[in-house]
Amino acid sequence: MARKRLNPLLIFGSSYETTGLSAATTWKYELVVDYLKASPSYTAVAKLISKGIDTQKLTKDGQAVAQVIKDFGPIYKIQELEWWTSYGMHLYGVQKPTQEVRVLGELNSKNKSLTAKHHTDEYLVVEFPLSISITEATKQFRKLATQHRFSNSKPTCISPKYELLKTKLTQRTLQLGLDALRQYKKGVPLWAIGNSLKLNASQCFNPKYEALEKYSYNKELLSIAASKLIKTAALVAENAARGRFPSNQPFKEAVLTPYARKPGRPTGTLRKSRT
């Protein structure tokens, strides 16, 4: 059975030249808001705030969640693109050009001129003939560079208010995780979640045309796969509510009970429990 096809994600980013903010271009920003909505902690604190509670009376962890709620804005009331331009780029961007070497363009028979705009940093504009090799171009540039005021130290690092974390979690895992959480909230059995998301393709089957009692072992394996994914996604949601994304690192304040796997064996399982 083929793997589940995922919906394409919106790619957000920000260029200093266009918006005055530099932010990396990635698909991860769209998922931040979705995972905030899936967080029990975010939902609980948001309800308290809507009732007028003084956030200073919350626990330290509760105050951290309240700060995220304040910073990320009305995520339930606006679309993704509006959220990004109004909130996201200001949270994940910095008011400084990216300190990277860039190609401005090529001069040729069709393009006789280029325009280089000056920003806050100082730049060296260089002309490289494409008729020479990269090795020769590098050699000549090194010689030219010694005649200019390049810094001897690393660039000053300016950190945004929130940063995307380095993670081994893939785009597919994060997207399927959201689907799994949504289905679980609706009361869909674990095995059915695993089956619909094709978490273990070799164990999937069509419940409309197959006798369920024949697939008790398949349902066990699909339930296990769904349970693992739900736990991962639940931790990602709870970390997101504290401003950490994407991360599935466990922590004691994480509210996971709404996504806890209920005891017992999948419906229709006939195999005896292992002793």
C-alpha atoms as a PDB file:
ATOM      1  CA  MET A   1       0.000   0.000   0.000  1.00  0.00           C
ATOM      2  CA  ALA A   2       1.372   3.417  -0.967  1.00  0.00           C
ATOM      3  CA  ARG A   3       2.410   5.933   1.679  1.00  0.00           C
ATOM      4  CA  LYS A   4       0.009   8.726   2.566  1.00  0.00           C
ATOM      5  CA  ARG A   5       0.466  11.787   0.359  1.00  0.00           C
ATOM      6  CA  LEU A   6       0.881  14.911   2.453  1.00  0.00           C
ATOM      7  CA  ASN A   7      -0.481  18.354   1.685  1.00  0.00           C
ATOM      8  CA  PRO A   8       2.212  20.783   0.510  1.00  0.00           C
ATOM      9  CA  LEU A   9       3.270  23.271   3.165  1.00  0.00           C
ATOM     10  CA  LEU A  10       3.556  27.018   2.675  1.00  0.00           C
ATOM     11  CA  ILE A  11       7.164  28.210   2.545  1.00  0.00           C
ATOM     12  CA  PHE A  12       7.753  31.350   4.587  1.00  0.00           C
ATOM     13  CA  GLY A  13      10.848  33.499   4.937  1.00  0.00           C
ATOM     14  CA  SER A  14      11.921  37.129   5.015  1.00  0.00           C
ATOM     15  CA  SER A  15      14.511  39.155   3.112  1.00  0.00           C
ATOM     16  CA  TYR A  16      16.049  42.216   4.741  1.00  0.00           C
ATOM     17  CA  GLU A  17      16.074  44.000   1.395  1.00  0.00           C
ATOM     18  CA  THR A  18      12.292  43.607   1.116  1.00  0.00           C
ATOM     19  CA  THR A  19      10.929  43.705   4.666  1.00  0.00           C
ATOM     20  CA  GLY A  20      13.775  45.000   6.831  1.00  0.00           C
ATOM     21  CA  LEU A  21      13.944  41.606   8.557  1.00  0.00           C
ATOM     22  CA  SER A  22      16.089  38.568   7.828  1.00  0.00           C
ATOM     23  CA  ALA A  23      14.495  35.176   8.505  1.00  0.00           C
ATOM     24  CA  ALA A  24      15.437  31.782   7.116  1.00  0.00           C
ATOM     25  CA  THR A  25      13.140  30.384   4.433  1.00  0.00           C
ATOM     26  CA  THR A  26      11.517  27.119   5.543  1.00  0.00           C
ATOM     27  CA  TRP A  27       8.275  25.106   5.706  1.00  0.00           C
ATOM     28  CA  LYS A  28       8.529  24.789   9.499  1.00  0.00           C
ATOM     29  CA  TYR A  29       6.868  28.114  10.294  1.00  0.00           C
ATOM     30  CA  GLU A  30       3.451  26.954   9.078  1.00  0.00           C
ATOM     31  CA  LEU A  31       3.546  23.985  11.454  1.00  0.00           C
ATOM     32  CA  VAL A  32       4.412  26.106  14.508  1.00  0.00           C
ATOM     33  CA  VAL A  33       0.893  27.530  14.720  1.00  0.00           C
ATOM     34  CA  ASP A  34      -0.744  24.143  14.093  1.00  0.00           C
ATOM     35  CA  TYR A  35       1.203  22.586  16.951  1.00  0.00           C
ATOM     36  CA  LEU A  36       0.353  25.474  19.274  1.00  0.00           C
ATOM     37  CA  LYS A  37      -3.329  24.779  18.615  1.00  0.00           C
ATOM     38  CA  ALA A  38      -2.728  21.100  19.472  1.00  0.00           C
ATOM     39  CA  SER A  39      -1.131  21.882  22.844  1.00  0.00           C
ATOM     40  CA  PRO A  40      -3.303  21.281  25.945  1.00  0.00           C
ATOM     41  CA  SER A  41      -1.112  23.716  27.901  1.00  0.00           C
ATOM     42  CA  TYR A  42      -1.584  26.458  25.310  1.00  0.00           C
ATOM     43  CA  THR A  43      -5.353  25.906  25.267  1.00  0.00           C
ATOM     44  CA  ALA A  44      -5.647  25.867  29.064  1.00  0.00           C
ATOM     45  CA  VAL A  45      -3.623  29.040  29.640  1.00  0.00           C
ATOM     46  CA  ALA A  46      -5.373  30.821  26.761  1.00  0.00           C
ATOM     47  CA  LYS A  47      -8.733  30.112  28.438  1.00  0.00           C
ATOM     48  CA  LEU A  48      -7.463  31.525  31.734  1.00  0.00           C
ATOM     49  CA  ILE A  49      -6.238  34.666  29.985  1.00  0.00           C
ATOM     50  CA  SER A  50      -9.600  35.081  28.234  1.00  0.00           C
ATOM     51  CA  LYS A  51     -11.239  35.045  31.688  1.00  0.00           C
ATOM     52  CA  GLY A  52      -9.015  37.910  32.811  1.00  0.00           C
ATOM     53  CA  ILE A  53      -6.614  36.050  35.093  1.00  0.00           C
ATOM     54  CA  ASP A  54      -3.443  37.872  36.145  1.00  0.00           C
ATOM     55  CA  THR A  55      -0.690  35.914  34.383  1.00  0.00           C
ATOM     56  CA  GLN A  56       1.761  36.904  37.127  1.00  0.00           C
ATOM     57  CA  LYS A  57      -0.173  34.583  39.444  1.00  0.00           C
ATOM     58  CA  LEU A  58       0.531  31.596  37.194  1.00  0.00           C
ATOM     59  CA  THR A  59       3.390  29.201  37.810  1.00  0.00           C
ATOM     60  CA  LYS A  60       6.717  29.930  36.121  1.00  0.00           C
ATOM     61  CA  ASP A  61       5.844  27.390  33.449  1.00  0.00           C
ATOM     62  CA  GLY A  62       2.385  28.907  33.020  1.00  0.00           C
ATOM     63  CA  GLN A  63       3.936  32.337  32.572  1.00  0.00           C
ATOM     64  CA  ALA A  64       6.208  30.952  29.851  1.00  0.00           C
ATOM     65  CA  VAL A  65       3.166  29.636  27.979  1.00  0.00           C
ATOM     66  CA  ALA A  66       1.359  32.956  28.506  1.00  0.00           C
ATOM     67  CA  GLN A  67       4.296  34.790  26.947  1.00  0.00           C
ATOM     68  CA  VAL A  68       4.112  32.575  23.855  1.00  0.00           C
ATOM     69  CA  ILE A  69       0.361  33.250  23.612  1.00  0.00           C
ATOM     70  CA  LYS A  70       1.040  36.990  23.747  1.00  0.00           C
ATOM     71  CA  ASP A  71       3.917  36.894  21.265  1.00  0.00           C
ATOM     72  CA  PHE A  72       2.293  34.668  18.647  1.00  0.00           C
ATOM     73  CA  GLY A  73      -0.918  36.672  18.459  1.00  0.00           C
ATOM     74  CA  PRO A  74      -4.499  35.610  17.611  1.00  0.00           C
ATOM     75  CA  ILE A  75      -3.618  32.345  15.882  1.00  0.00           C
ATOM     76  CA  TYR A  76      -7.249  31.204  15.769  1.00  0.00           C
ATOM     77  CA  LYS A  77      -8.467  34.345  13.997  1.00  0.00           C
ATOM     78  CA  ILE A  78      -6.013  34.886  11.132  1.00  0.00           C
ATOM     79  CA  GLN A  79      -4.705  32.860   8.196  1.00  0.00           C
ATOM     80  CA  GLU A  80      -1.140  31.562   7.968  1.00  0.00           C
ATOM     81  CA  LEU A  81       0.201  34.241   5.605  1.00  0.00           C
ATOM     82  CA  GLU A  82      -1.264  37.078   7.654  1.00  0.00           C
ATOM     83  CA  TRP A  83       0.155  35.511  10.811  1.00  0.00           C
ATOM     84  CA  TRP A  84       3.602  35.303   9.228  1.00  0.00           C
ATOM     85  CA  THR A  85       3.697  38.912   8.042  1.00  0.00           C
ATOM     86  CA  SER A  86       2.152  40.329  11.226  1.00  0.00           C
ATOM     87  CA  TYR A  87       3.835  38.131  13.845  1.00  0.00           C
ATOM     88  CA  GLY A  88       5.996  35.289  12.572  1.00  0.00           C
ATOM     89  CA  MET A  89       8.711  37.202  10.747  1.00  0.00           C
ATOM     90  CA  HIS A  90       9.098  39.547  13.726  1.00  0.00           C
ATOM     91  CA  LEU A  91       9.542  36.598  16.103  1.00  0.00           C
ATOM     92  CA  TYR A  92      11.931  34.570  13.947  1.00  0.00           C
ATOM     93  CA  GLY A  93      13.656  37.390  12.065  1.00  0.00           C
ATOM     94  CA  VAL A  94      16.373  39.928  12.922  1.00  0.00           C
ATOM     95  CA  GLN A  95      16.768  43.542  11.803  1.00  0.00           C
ATOM     96  CA  LYS A  96      20.029  42.918  10.009  1.00  0.00           C
ATOM     97  CA  PRO A  97      21.055  41.661   6.572  1.00  0.00           C
ATOM     98  CA  THR A  98      22.247  38.075   6.448  1.00  0.00           C
ATOM     99  CA  GLN A  99      26.046  38.173   6.497  1.00  0.00           C
ATOM    100  CA  GLU A 100      26.471  35.923   3.499  1.00  0.00           C
ATOM    101  CA  VAL A 101      28.343  36.206   0.224  1.00  0.00           C
ATOM    102  CA  ARG A 102      25.781  36.528  -2.558  1.00  0.00           C
ATOM    103  CA  VAL A 103      25.773  36.678  -6.331  1.00  0.00           C
ATOM    104  CA  LEU A 104      24.019  39.820  -7.535  1.00  0.00           C
ATOM    105  CA  GLY A 105      23.754  38.640 -11.118  1.00  0.00           C
ATOM    106  CA  GLU A 106      25.682  38.297 -14.386  1.00  0.00           C
ATOM    107  CA  LEU A 107      26.814  40.871 -16.915  1.00  0.00           C
ATOM    108  CA  ASN A 108      26.525  39.676 -20.497  1.00  0.00           C
ATOM    109  CA  SER A 109      25.302  40.715 -23.934  1.00  0.00           C
ATOM    110  CA  LYS A 110      21.710  40.910 -22.685  1.00  0.00           C
ATOM    111  CA  ASN A 111      22.410  42.390 -19.251  1.00  0.00           C
ATOM    112  CA  LYS A 112      24.770  45.367 -19.440  1.00  0.00           C
ATOM    113  CA  SER A 113      24.458  46.669 -15.884  1.00  0.00           C
ATOM    114  CA  LEU A 114      23.678  45.700 -12.288  1.00  0.00           C
ATOM    115  CA  THR A 115      22.556  47.741  -9.301  1.00  0.00           C
ATOM    116  CA  ALA A 116      23.947  47.056  -5.825  1.00  0.00           C
ATOM    117  CA  LYS A 117      21.972  48.609  -2.960  1.00  0.00           C
ATOM    118  CA  HIS A 118      23.808  49.581   0.220  1.00  0.00           C
ATOM    119  CA  HIS A 119      22.360  48.517   3.584  1.00  0.00           C
ATOM    120  CA  THR A 120      23.706  48.768   7.135  1.00  0.00           C
ATOM    121  CA  ASP A 121      26.851  46.726   6.500  1.00  0.00           C
ATOM    122  CA  GLU A 122      29.795  47.608   4.270  1.00  0.00           C
ATOM    123  CA  TYR A 123      30.179  45.560   1.094  1.00  0.00           C
ATOM    124  CA  LEU A 124      32.845  44.855  -1.487  1.00  0.00           C
ATOM    125  CA  VAL A 125      31.495  44.562  -5.024  1.00  0.00           C
ATOM    126  CA  VAL A 126      33.716  42.346  -7.178  1.00  0.00           C
ATOM    127  CA  GLU A 127      33.717  41.496 -10.886  1.00  0.00           C
ATOM    128  CA  PHE A 128      34.635  37.893 -11.806  1.00  0.00           C
ATOM    129  CA  PRO A 129      35.167  36.990 -15.488  1.00  0.00           C
ATOM    130  CA  LEU A 130      33.366  33.702 -16.147  1.00  0.00           C
ATOM    131  CA  SER A 131      36.096  32.838 -18.619  1.00  0.00           C
ATOM    132  CA  ILE A 132      38.485  31.874 -15.794  1.00  0.00           C
ATOM    133  CA  SER A 133      38.350  28.808 -13.540  1.00  0.00           C
ATOM    134  CA  ILE A 134      37.018  28.796  -9.978  1.00  0.00           C
ATOM    135  CA  THR A 135      40.544  28.067  -8.760  1.00  0.00           C
ATOM    136  CA  GLU A 136      41.959  31.093 -10.578  1.00  0.00           C
ATOM    137  CA  ALA A 137      39.059  33.298  -9.454  1.00  0.00           C
ATOM    138  CA  THR A 138      39.621  32.263  -5.832  1.00  0.00           C
ATOM    139  CA  LYS A 139      43.364  32.889  -6.121  1.00  0.00           C
ATOM    140  CA  GLN A 140      42.872  36.373  -7.529  1.00  0.00           C
ATOM    141  CA  PHE A 141      40.180  37.258  -5.005  1.00  0.00           C
ATOM    142  CA  ARG A 142      42.371  36.250  -2.062  1.00  0.00           C
ATOM    143  CA  LYS A 143      45.012  38.664  -3.319  1.00  0.00           C
ATOM    144  CA  LEU A 144      42.473  41.467  -3.784  1.00  0.00           C
ATOM    145  CA  ALA A 145      40.844  40.837  -0.395  1.00  0.00           C
ATOM    146  CA  THR A 146      44.041  41.671   1.500  1.00  0.00           C
ATOM    147  CA  GLN A 147      43.735  45.228   0.212  1.00  0.00           C
ATOM    148  CA  HIS A 148      40.364  45.774   1.909  1.00  0.00           C
ATOM    149  CA  ARG A 149      39.124  46.002   5.505  1.00  0.00           C
ATOM    150  CA  PHE A 150      37.702  42.536   6.114  1.00  0.00           C
ATOM    151  CA  SER A 151      36.984  41.648   9.736  1.00  0.00           C
ATOM    152  CA  ASN A 152      39.410  39.394  11.596  1.00  0.00           C
ATOM    153  CA  SER A 153      36.694  38.086  13.904  1.00  0.00           C
ATOM    154  CA  LYS A 154      33.467  36.190  13.469  1.00  0.00           C
ATOM    155  CA  PRO A 155      30.364  38.281  12.648  1.00  0.00           C
ATOM    156  CA  THR A 156      28.413  39.550  15.638  1.00  0.00           C
ATOM    157  CA  CYS A 157      25.560  37.148  16.211  1.00  0.00           C
ATOM    158  CA  ILE A 158      22.134  38.715  16.654  1.00  0.00           C
ATOM    159  CA  SER A 159      19.570  36.186  17.788  1.00  0.00           C
ATOM    160  CA  PRO A 160      15.845  36.495  17.065  1.00  0.00           C
ATOM    161  CA  LYS A 161      13.354  36.225  19.918  1.00  0.00           C
ATOM    162  CA  TYR A 162      12.503  32.672  18.835  1.00  0.00           C
ATOM    163  CA  GLU A 163      14.676  30.243  16.897  1.00  0.00           C
ATOM    164  CA  LEU A 164      13.808  27.037  15.091  1.00  0.00           C
ATOM    165  CA  LEU A 165      15.631  24.147  16.730  1.00  0.00           C
ATOM    166  CA  LYS A 166      17.832  21.649  14.967  1.00  0.00           C
ATOM    167  CA  THR A 167      16.050  18.320  15.030  1.00  0.00           C
ATOM    168  CA  LYS A 168      15.926  14.863  13.504  1.00  0.00           C
ATOM    169  CA  LEU A 169      12.152  15.136  13.181  1.00  0.00           C
ATOM    170  CA  THR A 170      11.221  15.112   9.508  1.00  0.00           C
ATOM    171  CA  GLN A 171       8.561  17.128   7.732  1.00  0.00           C
ATOM    172  CA  ARG A 172       6.616  13.916   7.163  1.00  0.00           C
ATOM    173  CA  THR A 173       6.683  12.958  10.845  1.00  0.00           C
ATOM    174  CA  LEU A 174       5.537  16.415  11.934  1.00  0.00           C
ATOM    175  CA  GLN A 175       2.676  16.512   9.429  1.00  0.00           C
ATOM    176  CA  LEU A 176       1.503  12.979  10.177  1.00  0.00           C
ATOM    177  CA  GLY A 177       1.776  13.759  13.878  1.00  0.00           C
ATOM    178  CA  LEU A 178      -0.759  16.560  13.542  1.00  0.00           C
ATOM    179  CA  ASP A 179      -3.115  14.273  11.622  1.00  0.00           C
ATOM    180  CA  ALA A 180      -2.763  11.619  14.317  1.00  0.00           C
ATOM    181  CA  LEU A 181      -3.527  14.084  17.137  1.00  0.00           C
ATOM    182  CA  ARG A 182      -6.622  15.372  15.339  1.00  0.00           C
ATOM    183  CA  GLN A 183      -7.954  11.882  14.743  1.00  0.00           C
ATOM    184  CA  TYR A 184      -7.256  10.803  18.316  1.00  0.00           C
ATOM    185  CA  LYS A 185      -9.183  13.811  19.651  1.00  0.00           C
ATOM    186  CA  LYS A 186     -12.162  12.653  17.580  1.00  0.00           C
ATOM    187  CA  GLY A 187     -12.031   9.242  19.268  1.00  0.00           C
ATOM    188  CA  VAL A 188     -10.633   7.297  16.317  1.00  0.00           C
ATOM    189  CA  PRO A 189      -9.071   3.997  17.545  1.00  0.00           C
ATOM    190  CA  LEU A 190      -5.288   3.808  17.482  1.00  0.00           C
ATOM    191  CA  TRP A 191      -5.204   1.013  14.928  1.00  0.00           C
ATOM    192  CA  ALA A 192      -7.494   2.992  12.618  1.00  0.00           C
ATOM    193  CA  ILE A 193      -5.221   6.030  12.913  1.00  0.00           C
ATOM    194  CA  GLY A 194      -2.202   3.921  12.010  1.00  0.00           C
ATOM    195  CA  ASN A 195      -4.122   2.345   9.150  1.00  0.00           C
ATOM    196  CA  SER A 196      -5.413   5.604   7.638  1.00  0.00           C
ATOM    197  CA  LEU A 197      -2.005   7.297   7.900  1.00  0.00           C
ATOM    198  CA  LYS A 198      -0.228   4.179   6.585  1.00  0.00           C
ATOM    199  CA  LEU A 199       2.261   4.251   9.456  1.00  0.00           C
ATOM    200  CA  ASN A 200       3.150   0.610   8.822  1.00  0.00           C
ATOM    201  CA  ALA A 201       2.291   0.083   5.159  1.00  0.00           C
ATOM    202  CA  SER A 202       2.866  -3.674   5.196  1.00  0.00           C
ATOM    203  CA  GLN A 203       0.199  -4.085   7.915  1.00  0.00           C
ATOM    204  CA  CYS A 204      -2.472  -1.822   6.403  1.00  0.00           C
ATOM    205  CA  PHE A 205      -5.763  -3.165   5.078  1.00  0.00           C
ATOM    206  CA  ASN A 206      -9.139  -1.909   3.853  1.00  0.00           C
ATOM    207  CA  PRO A 207     -11.587  -2.175   6.784  1.00  0.00           C
ATOM    208  CA  LYS A 208     -14.556  -1.654   4.442  1.00  0.00           C
ATOM    209  CA  TYR A 209     -13.992  -4.910   2.600  1.00  0.00           C
ATOM    210  CA  GLU A 210     -12.050  -7.074   5.034  1.00  0.00           C
ATOM    211  CA  ALA A 211     -13.213  -9.003   8.093  1.00  0.00           C
ATOM    212  CA  LEU A 212     -11.626  -7.156  11.023  1.00  0.00           C
ATOM    213  CA  GLU A 213     -11.118 -10.307  13.104  1.00  0.00           C
ATOM    214  CA  LYS A 214      -8.660 -11.549  10.480  1.00  0.00           C
ATOM    215  CA  TYR A 215      -6.393  -8.583  11.103  1.00  0.00           C
ATOM    216  CA  SER A 216      -5.947  -8.652  14.867  1.00  0.00           C
ATOM    217  CA  TYR A 217      -2.148  -8.831  14.602  1.00  0.00           C
ATOM    218  CA  ASN A 218      -2.086  -6.020  12.032  1.00  0.00           C
ATOM    219  CA  LYS A 219      -4.193  -3.886  14.347  1.00  0.00           C
ATOM    220  CA  GLU A 220      -1.785  -4.429  17.218  1.00  0.00           C
ATOM    221  CA  LEU A 221       1.185  -3.277  15.149  1.00  0.00           C
ATOM    222  CA  LEU A 222      -0.720  -0.318  13.725  1.00  0.00           C
ATOM    223  CA  SER A 223      -1.823   0.669  17.243  1.00  0.00           C
ATOM    224  CA  ILE A 224       1.781   0.619  18.446  1.00  0.00           C
ATOM    225  CA  ALA A 225       2.919   2.770  15.528  1.00  0.00           C
ATOM    226  CA  ALA A 226       0.090   5.258  16.097  1.00  0.00           C
ATOM    227  CA  SER A 227       0.764   5.409  19.831  1.00  0.00           C
ATOM    228  CA  LYS A 228       4.438   6.241  19.261  1.00  0.00           C
ATOM    229  CA  LEU A 229       3.595   8.940  16.733  1.00  0.00           C
ATOM    230  CA  ILE A 230       0.962  10.485  19.001  1.00  0.00           C
ATOM    231  CA  LYS A 231       3.406  10.635  21.915  1.00  0.00           C
ATOM    232  CA  THR A 232       6.013  12.298  19.701  1.00  0.00           C
ATOM    233  CA  ALA A 233       3.529  14.826  18.320  1.00  0.00           C
ATOM    234  CA  ALA A 234       2.093  15.562  21.777  1.00  0.00           C
ATOM    235  CA  LEU A 235       5.576  16.414  23.050  1.00  0.00           C
ATOM    236  CA  VAL A 236       6.208  18.607  20.006  1.00  0.00           C
ATOM    237  CA  ALA A 237       2.968  20.489  20.756  1.00  0.00           C
ATOM    238  CA  GLU A 238       3.838  20.969  24.425  1.00  0.00           C
ATOM    239  CA  ASN A 239       7.361  22.141  23.602  1.00  0.00           C
ATOM    240  CA  ALA A 240       5.934  24.557  21.025  1.00  0.00           C
ATOM    241  CA  ALA A 241       3.741  26.089  23.730  1.00  0.00           C
ATOM    242  CA  ARG A 242       6.968  27.007  25.544  1.00  0.00           C
ATOM    243  CA  GLY A 243       8.576  28.501  22.428  1.00  0.00           C
ATOM    244  CA  ARG A 244      10.648  25.428  21.545  1.00  0.00           C
ATOM    245  CA  PHE A 245       9.992  24.116  18.031  1.00  0.00           C
ATOM    246  CA  PRO A 246      10.376  21.539  16.682  1.00  0.00           C
ATOM    247  CA  SER A 247      11.314  19.402  19.687  1.00  0.00           C
ATOM    248  CA  ASN A 248       9.982  16.164  21.156  1.00  0.00           C
ATOM    249  CA  GLN A 249      12.165  16.260  24.257  1.00  0.00           C
ATOM    250  CA  PRO A 250      10.241  15.126  27.370  1.00  0.00           C
ATOM    251  CA  PHE A 251       9.895  17.550  30.300  1.00  0.00           C
ATOM    252  CA  LYS A 252       7.987  17.304  33.558  1.00  0.00           C
ATOM    253  CA  GLU A 253       5.499  20.117  32.882  1.00  0.00           C
ATOM    254  CA  ALA A 254       4.289  18.612  29.592  1.00  0.00           C
ATOM    255  CA  VAL A 255       0.539  17.899  29.647  1.00  0.00           C
ATOM    256  CA  LEU A 256       0.192  14.578  27.851  1.00  0.00           C
ATOM    257  CA  THR A 257      -2.880  13.079  29.526  1.00  0.00           C
ATOM    258  CA  PRO A 258      -5.300  14.079  26.713  1.00  0.00           C
ATOM    259  CA  TYR A 259      -3.162  11.999  24.369  1.00  0.00           C
ATOM    260  CA  ALA A 260      -2.392   9.116  26.740  1.00  0.00           C
ATOM    261  CA  ARG A 261      -2.965   5.684  25.257  1.00  0.00           C
ATOM    262  CA  LYS A 262      -5.862   3.943  26.947  1.00  0.00           C
ATOM    263  CA  PRO A 263      -5.125   0.511  28.456  1.00  0.00           C
ATOM    264  CA  GLY A 264      -6.372  -2.601  26.710  1.00  0.00           C
ATOM    265  CA  ARG A 265      -6.006  -4.298  23.363  1.00  0.00           C
ATOM    266  CA  PRO A 266      -7.347  -3.099  20.011  1.00  0.00           C
ATOM    267  CA  THR A 267     -10.985  -3.896  19.279  1.00  0.00           C
ATOM    268  CA  GLY A 268     -11.217  -7.165  17.388  1.00  0.00           C
ATOM    269  CA  THR A 269      -7.930  -8.553  18.708  1.00  0.00           C
ATOM    270  CA  LEU A 270      -8.228 -12.297  19.307  1.00  0.00           C
ATOM    271  CA  ARG A 271      -4.591 -13.099  20.075  1.00  0.00           C
ATOM    272  CA  LYS A 272      -3.863 -13.933  23.690  1.00  0.00           C
ATOM    273  CA  SER A 273      -1.868 -11.481  25.748  1.00  0.00           C
ATOM    274  CA  ARG A 274       1.788 -12.369  26.229  1.00  0.00           C
ATOM    275  CA  THR A 275       2.642 -13.618  29.692  1.00  0.00           C
END
